[in-house]
């Protein structure tokens, strides 16, 4: 079995995490451990699925059925990241406002995380990062 297909998404996730942390920390002008998660630049999910689709394209070709499955999965993940999770974030903001509206309301309720989805720029950053990581892994795996 070629473990490159297993290692690529994991390495992509490990590459994107620190990038996202650094960019978020620079924007916030502090170490932003609490802000890294579902949202921010670049999109982890978009990077992971794009890296896998790219690796399949590089190794098997774009005519391989696995490439079609990977691209379809990537589109589903990216559409979800852009639309559905942004709606969830808006609902969390509304719930947070409701639970903190009156005296005694929500005094022991932890606020919900409001930053959930990704903008198109964040998804684009994930796509670019995923493609770059897949090319790097493919190149390095062919060298050794």
Foldseek 3Di string as FASTA:
>chain_A
DDCLLVVLLVVLLVVQQVVQQVVVCVVVVHRPPVPPDQEGAAGSLLLSLLLNLLLCCVPVNCVDVVNVVSVVVSVVSQVCQAPVQLVVLVVLVVVQCVQPPDVPRVPPPDRDHNHHHYHPVNSVRSNVSNNVSSVVSVVVVVVD
